């Protein structure tokens, strides 16, 4: 019985190693889907859906985001940047002109969003140690709110 089990265990170990070795070394790279049940949007409302694809790009990251807003509007947003503190143009988001990337450590970084040169939000992105969950905590001001109340969103994304 031991002889029959060993080859199966060895094959499983080899497949697991090959799967791990074939993945990107950058834990951020991949497709991420919003988990609405785990997310909190204050004051809200939450988007109906968000799917984000993150790719490696010249030492930084490239984002492609498809959002269906709470009112049913579809948005396709694209931007890319390096972790150099410089403004990077954002296409497809009427609320943001540029984003700035700042790395905190291997498992977290900040995105500083600007509109007309003024900071409108700061988002801290944190990836779980197993690489399967990304949490984006956004703080900022929402120009659409008549009182200018702060926004405090926690968006949780699951790796697809």
C-alpha atoms as a PDB file:
ATOM      1  CA  UNK A   1       0.000   0.000   0.000  1.00  0.00           C
ATOM      2  CA  UNK A   2       2.880   2.422   0.730  1.00  0.00           C
ATOM      3  CA  UNK A   3       4.281   1.941  -2.745  1.00  0.00           C
ATOM      4  CA  UNK A   4       0.988   2.958  -4.375  1.00  0.00           C
ATOM      5  CA  UNK A   5       0.535   6.054  -2.159  1.00  0.00           C
ATOM      6  CA  UNK A   6       4.049   7.481  -2.615  1.00  0.00           C
ATOM      7  CA  UNK A   7       3.800   8.158  -6.397  1.00  0.00           C
ATOM      8  CA  UNK A   8       0.417   9.850  -5.936  1.00  0.00           C
ATOM      9  CA  UNK A   9       1.785  12.026  -3.115  1.00  0.00           C
ATOM     10  CA  UNK A  10       4.885  12.876  -5.151  1.00  0.00           C
ATOM     11  CA  UNK A  11       2.774  13.807  -8.174  1.00  0.00           C
ATOM     12  CA  UNK A  12       0.495  15.997  -6.037  1.00  0.00           C
ATOM     13  CA  UNK A  13       3.525  17.750  -4.521  1.00  0.00           C
ATOM     14  CA  UNK A  14       5.046  18.338  -7.953  1.00  0.00           C
ATOM     15  CA  UNK A  15       1.787  19.750  -9.320  1.00  0.00           C
ATOM     16  CA  UNK A  16       1.406  22.040  -6.318  1.00  0.00           C
ATOM     17  CA  UNK A  17       4.987  23.309  -6.706  1.00  0.00           C
ATOM     18  CA  UNK A  18       4.586  23.857 -10.448  1.00  0.00           C
ATOM     19  CA  UNK A  19       1.347  25.774  -9.890  1.00  0.00           C
ATOM     20  CA  UNK A  20       3.004  27.955  -7.233  1.00  0.00           C
ATOM     21  CA  UNK A  21       6.170  28.490  -9.304  1.00  0.00           C
ATOM     22  CA  UNK A  22       4.152  29.455 -12.379  1.00  0.00           C
ATOM     23  CA  UNK A  23       2.324  32.254 -10.590  1.00  0.00           C
ATOM     24  CA  UNK A  24       3.509  35.820 -10.690  1.00  0.00           C
ATOM     25  CA  UNK A  25       5.893  36.830  -7.921  1.00  0.00           C
ATOM     26  CA  UNK A  26       3.886  40.050  -7.503  1.00  0.00           C
ATOM     27  CA  UNK A  27       0.990  39.240  -5.147  1.00  0.00           C
ATOM     28  CA  UNK A  28      -1.126  42.091  -6.548  1.00  0.00           C
ATOM     29  CA  UNK A  29      -1.274  40.771 -10.116  1.00  0.00           C
ATOM     30  CA  UNK A  30      -4.539  39.106 -11.037  1.00  0.00           C
ATOM     31  CA  UNK A  31      -8.270  39.647 -11.369  1.00  0.00           C
ATOM     32  CA  UNK A  32     -10.182  40.810  -8.312  1.00  0.00           C
ATOM     33  CA  UNK A  33     -13.953  40.829  -7.798  1.00  0.00           C
ATOM     34  CA  UNK A  34     -15.712  42.992  -5.199  1.00  0.00           C
ATOM     35  CA  UNK A  35     -17.168  41.022  -2.300  1.00  0.00           C
ATOM     36  CA  UNK A  36     -20.204  43.186  -1.384  1.00  0.00           C
ATOM     37  CA  UNK A  37     -21.053  41.189   1.755  1.00  0.00           C
ATOM     38  CA  UNK A  38     -17.620  41.923   3.266  1.00  0.00           C
ATOM     39  CA  UNK A  39     -17.425  45.553   2.059  1.00  0.00           C
ATOM     40  CA  UNK A  40     -18.692  48.707   3.786  1.00  0.00           C
ATOM     41  CA  UNK A  41     -19.485  51.954   1.997  1.00  0.00           C
ATOM     42  CA  UNK A  42     -20.028  54.999   4.208  1.00  0.00           C
ATOM     43  CA  UNK A  43     -22.059  56.954   3.476  1.00  0.00           C
ATOM     44  CA  UNK A  44     -22.826  54.756   0.455  1.00  0.00           C
ATOM     45  CA  UNK A  45     -24.311  53.598  -1.741  1.00  0.00           C
ATOM     46  CA  UNK A  46     -22.087  50.707  -2.799  1.00  0.00           C
ATOM     47  CA  UNK A  47     -21.479  49.881  -6.464  1.00  0.00           C
ATOM     48  CA  UNK A  48     -23.476  47.001  -7.902  1.00  0.00           C
ATOM     49  CA  UNK A  49     -20.260  45.308  -9.046  1.00  0.00           C
ATOM     50  CA  UNK A  50     -16.554  45.956  -9.511  1.00  0.00           C
ATOM     51  CA  UNK A  51     -13.984  43.788 -11.268  1.00  0.00           C
ATOM     52  CA  UNK A  52     -10.364  44.938 -11.216  1.00  0.00           C
ATOM     53  CA  UNK A  53      -7.522  43.470 -13.240  1.00  0.00           C
ATOM     54  CA  UNK A  54      -4.046  44.361 -12.006  1.00  0.00           C
ATOM     55  CA  UNK A  55      -0.994  43.704 -14.176  1.00  0.00           C
ATOM     56  CA  UNK A  56       2.715  44.308 -13.715  1.00  0.00           C
ATOM     57  CA  UNK A  57       3.774  47.404 -15.644  1.00  0.00           C
ATOM     58  CA  UNK A  58       7.338  48.747 -15.902  1.00  0.00           C
ATOM     59  CA  UNK A  59       8.121  48.254 -12.214  1.00  0.00           C
ATOM     60  CA  UNK A  60       4.665  49.413 -11.195  1.00  0.00           C
ATOM     61  CA  UNK A  61       1.063  48.387 -11.718  1.00  0.00           C
ATOM     62  CA  UNK A  62      -1.544  48.715 -14.453  1.00  0.00           C
ATOM     63  CA  UNK A  63      -5.194  48.825 -13.395  1.00  0.00           C
ATOM     64  CA  UNK A  64      -8.236  48.023 -15.529  1.00  0.00           C
ATOM     65  CA  UNK A  65     -11.468  48.468 -13.586  1.00  0.00           C
ATOM     66  CA  UNK A  66     -15.013  47.730 -14.712  1.00  0.00           C
ATOM     67  CA  UNK A  67     -17.637  49.157 -12.359  1.00  0.00           C
ATOM     68  CA  UNK A  68     -21.406  49.178 -12.374  1.00  0.00           C
ATOM     69  CA  UNK A  69     -22.317  52.095 -10.104  1.00  0.00           C
ATOM     70  CA  UNK A  70     -25.231  52.043  -7.660  1.00  0.00           C
ATOM     71  CA  UNK A  71     -27.389  53.785 -10.271  1.00  0.00           C
ATOM     72  CA  UNK A  72     -26.548  51.216 -12.971  1.00  0.00           C
ATOM     73  CA  UNK A  73     -23.963  53.279 -14.896  1.00  0.00           C
ATOM     74  CA  UNK A  74     -21.120  51.204 -16.396  1.00  0.00           C
ATOM     75  CA  UNK A  75     -17.616  52.654 -16.147  1.00  0.00           C
ATOM     76  CA  UNK A  76     -14.402  51.360 -17.643  1.00  0.00           C
ATOM     77  CA  UNK A  77     -11.394  52.889 -15.867  1.00  0.00           C
ATOM     78  CA  UNK A  78      -7.728  52.478 -16.804  1.00  0.00           C
ATOM     79  CA  UNK A  79      -4.513  53.801 -15.313  1.00  0.00           C
ATOM     80  CA  UNK A  80      -0.954  52.704 -14.631  1.00  0.00           C
ATOM     81  CA  UNK A  81       1.954  53.969 -12.616  1.00  0.00           C
ATOM     82  CA  UNK A  82       5.210  53.307 -10.837  1.00  0.00           C
ATOM     83  CA  UNK A  83       5.823  53.624  -7.095  1.00  0.00           C
ATOM     84  CA  UNK A  84       7.673  56.890  -7.654  1.00  0.00           C
ATOM     85  CA  UNK A  85       5.256  59.433  -6.169  1.00  0.00           C
ATOM     86  CA  UNK A  86       4.424  60.982  -9.552  1.00  0.00           C
ATOM     87  CA  UNK A  87       0.954  61.752 -10.914  1.00  0.00           C
ATOM     88  CA  UNK A  88      -0.386  59.154 -13.383  1.00  0.00           C
ATOM     89  CA  UNK A  89      -3.337  59.975 -15.661  1.00  0.00           C
ATOM     90  CA  UNK A  90      -6.624  58.147 -15.073  1.00  0.00           C
ATOM     91  CA  UNK A  91      -9.020  57.444 -17.948  1.00  0.00           C
ATOM     92  CA  UNK A  92     -12.731  56.768 -17.501  1.00  0.00           C
ATOM     93  CA  UNK A  93     -13.273  58.112 -13.963  1.00  0.00           C
ATOM     94  CA  UNK A  94     -15.076  61.479 -13.914  1.00  0.00           C
ATOM     95  CA  UNK A  95     -14.127  61.980 -10.247  1.00  0.00           C
ATOM     96  CA  UNK A  96     -10.343  61.517 -10.620  1.00  0.00           C
ATOM     97  CA  UNK A  97      -7.767  62.955 -13.042  1.00  0.00           C
ATOM     98  CA  UNK A  98      -4.577  61.381 -11.648  1.00  0.00           C
ATOM     99  CA  UNK A  99      -3.394  58.744  -9.178  1.00  0.00           C
ATOM    100  CA  UNK A 100      -0.089  58.566  -7.283  1.00  0.00           C
ATOM    101  CA  UNK A 101       1.304  55.206  -6.107  1.00  0.00           C
ATOM    102  CA  UNK A 102       3.302  54.965  -2.860  1.00  0.00           C
ATOM    103  CA  UNK A 103       4.498  51.598  -1.569  1.00  0.00           C
ATOM    104  CA  UNK A 104       4.212  50.998   2.169  1.00  0.00           C
ATOM    105  CA  UNK A 105       5.630  47.442   2.219  1.00  0.00           C
ATOM    106  CA  UNK A 106       5.348  44.160   0.283  1.00  0.00           C
ATOM    107  CA  UNK A 107       1.722  43.690   1.343  1.00  0.00           C
ATOM    108  CA  UNK A 108       0.437  47.275   1.152  1.00  0.00           C
ATOM    109  CA  UNK A 109       0.545  50.517  -0.813  1.00  0.00           C
ATOM    110  CA  UNK A 110      -1.376  53.797  -1.086  1.00  0.00           C
ATOM    111  CA  UNK A 111      -3.133  55.377  -4.033  1.00  0.00           C
ATOM    112  CA  UNK A 112      -3.570  59.137  -3.759  1.00  0.00           C
ATOM    113  CA  UNK A 113      -6.347  60.284  -6.098  1.00  0.00           C
ATOM    114  CA  UNK A 114      -6.492  63.867  -7.369  1.00  0.00           C
ATOM    115  CA  UNK A 115      -9.023  65.964  -9.234  1.00  0.00           C
ATOM    116  CA  UNK A 116      -7.872  69.300 -10.687  1.00  0.00           C
ATOM    117  CA  UNK A 117      -4.606  68.909  -8.752  1.00  0.00           C
ATOM    118  CA  UNK A 118      -6.313  68.544  -5.356  1.00  0.00           C
ATOM    119  CA  UNK A 119      -6.310  65.343  -3.309  1.00  0.00           C
ATOM    120  CA  UNK A 120      -9.822  63.873  -3.228  1.00  0.00           C
ATOM    121  CA  UNK A 121      -9.049  60.520  -1.593  1.00  0.00           C
ATOM    122  CA  UNK A 122      -6.351  58.259  -0.230  1.00  0.00           C
ATOM    123  CA  UNK A 123      -6.773  54.502  -0.536  1.00  0.00           C
ATOM    124  CA  UNK A 124      -4.651  52.031   1.401  1.00  0.00           C
ATOM    125  CA  UNK A 125      -4.498  48.651  -0.364  1.00  0.00           C
ATOM    126  CA  UNK A 126      -3.577  45.597   1.691  1.00  0.00           C
ATOM    127  CA  UNK A 127      -3.264  42.036   0.416  1.00  0.00           C
ATOM    128  CA  UNK A 128      -3.818  39.057   2.686  1.00  0.00           C
ATOM    129  CA  UNK A 129      -0.854  36.818   3.478  1.00  0.00           C
ATOM    130  CA  UNK A 130      -2.357  33.994   1.419  1.00  0.00           C
ATOM    131  CA  UNK A 131      -2.782  36.404  -1.539  1.00  0.00           C
ATOM    132  CA  UNK A 132      -6.482  35.636  -1.969  1.00  0.00           C
ATOM    133  CA  UNK A 133      -8.035  38.826  -0.587  1.00  0.00           C
ATOM    134  CA  UNK A 134      -7.331  42.506  -1.244  1.00  0.00           C
ATOM    135  CA  UNK A 135      -8.772  45.203   1.013  1.00  0.00           C
ATOM    136  CA  UNK A 136      -8.942  48.813  -0.177  1.00  0.00           C
ATOM    137  CA  UNK A 137      -9.682  51.348   2.575  1.00  0.00           C
ATOM    138  CA  UNK A 138     -10.586  54.729   1.066  1.00  0.00           C
ATOM    139  CA  UNK A 139     -10.854  57.986   2.961  1.00  0.00           C
ATOM    140  CA  UNK A 140     -11.703  61.274   1.340  1.00  0.00           C
ATOM    141  CA  UNK A 141     -14.288  63.850   0.452  1.00  0.00           C
ATOM    142  CA  UNK A 142     -17.261  63.267  -1.814  1.00  0.00           C
ATOM    143  CA  UNK A 143     -18.032  66.390  -3.858  1.00  0.00           C
ATOM    144  CA  UNK A 144     -21.538  65.095  -4.583  1.00  0.00           C
ATOM    145  CA  UNK A 145     -22.497  65.336  -0.922  1.00  0.00           C
ATOM    146  CA  UNK A 146     -23.982  68.721  -0.146  1.00  0.00           C
ATOM    147  CA  UNK A 147     -22.480  68.766   3.346  1.00  0.00           C
ATOM    148  CA  UNK A 148     -19.017  67.760   2.111  1.00  0.00           C
ATOM    149  CA  UNK A 149     -19.098  64.792   4.485  1.00  0.00           C
ATOM    150  CA  UNK A 150     -16.182  62.414   4.573  1.00  0.00           C
ATOM    151  CA  UNK A 151     -16.158  59.112   2.774  1.00  0.00           C
ATOM    152  CA  UNK A 152     -14.904  56.007   4.556  1.00  0.00           C
ATOM    153  CA  UNK A 153     -15.163  52.949   2.319  1.00  0.00           C
ATOM    154  CA  UNK A 154     -13.754  49.494   2.919  1.00  0.00           C
ATOM    155  CA  UNK A 155     -13.894  47.488  -0.291  1.00  0.00           C
ATOM    156  CA  UNK A 156     -12.973  43.809  -0.036  1.00  0.00           C
ATOM    157  CA  UNK A 157     -11.962  41.989  -3.210  1.00  0.00           C
ATOM    158  CA  UNK A 158     -11.528  38.254  -3.750  1.00  0.00           C
ATOM    159  CA  UNK A 159      -8.985  36.852  -6.203  1.00  0.00           C
ATOM    160  CA  UNK A 160     -10.642  35.193  -9.196  1.00  0.00           C
END
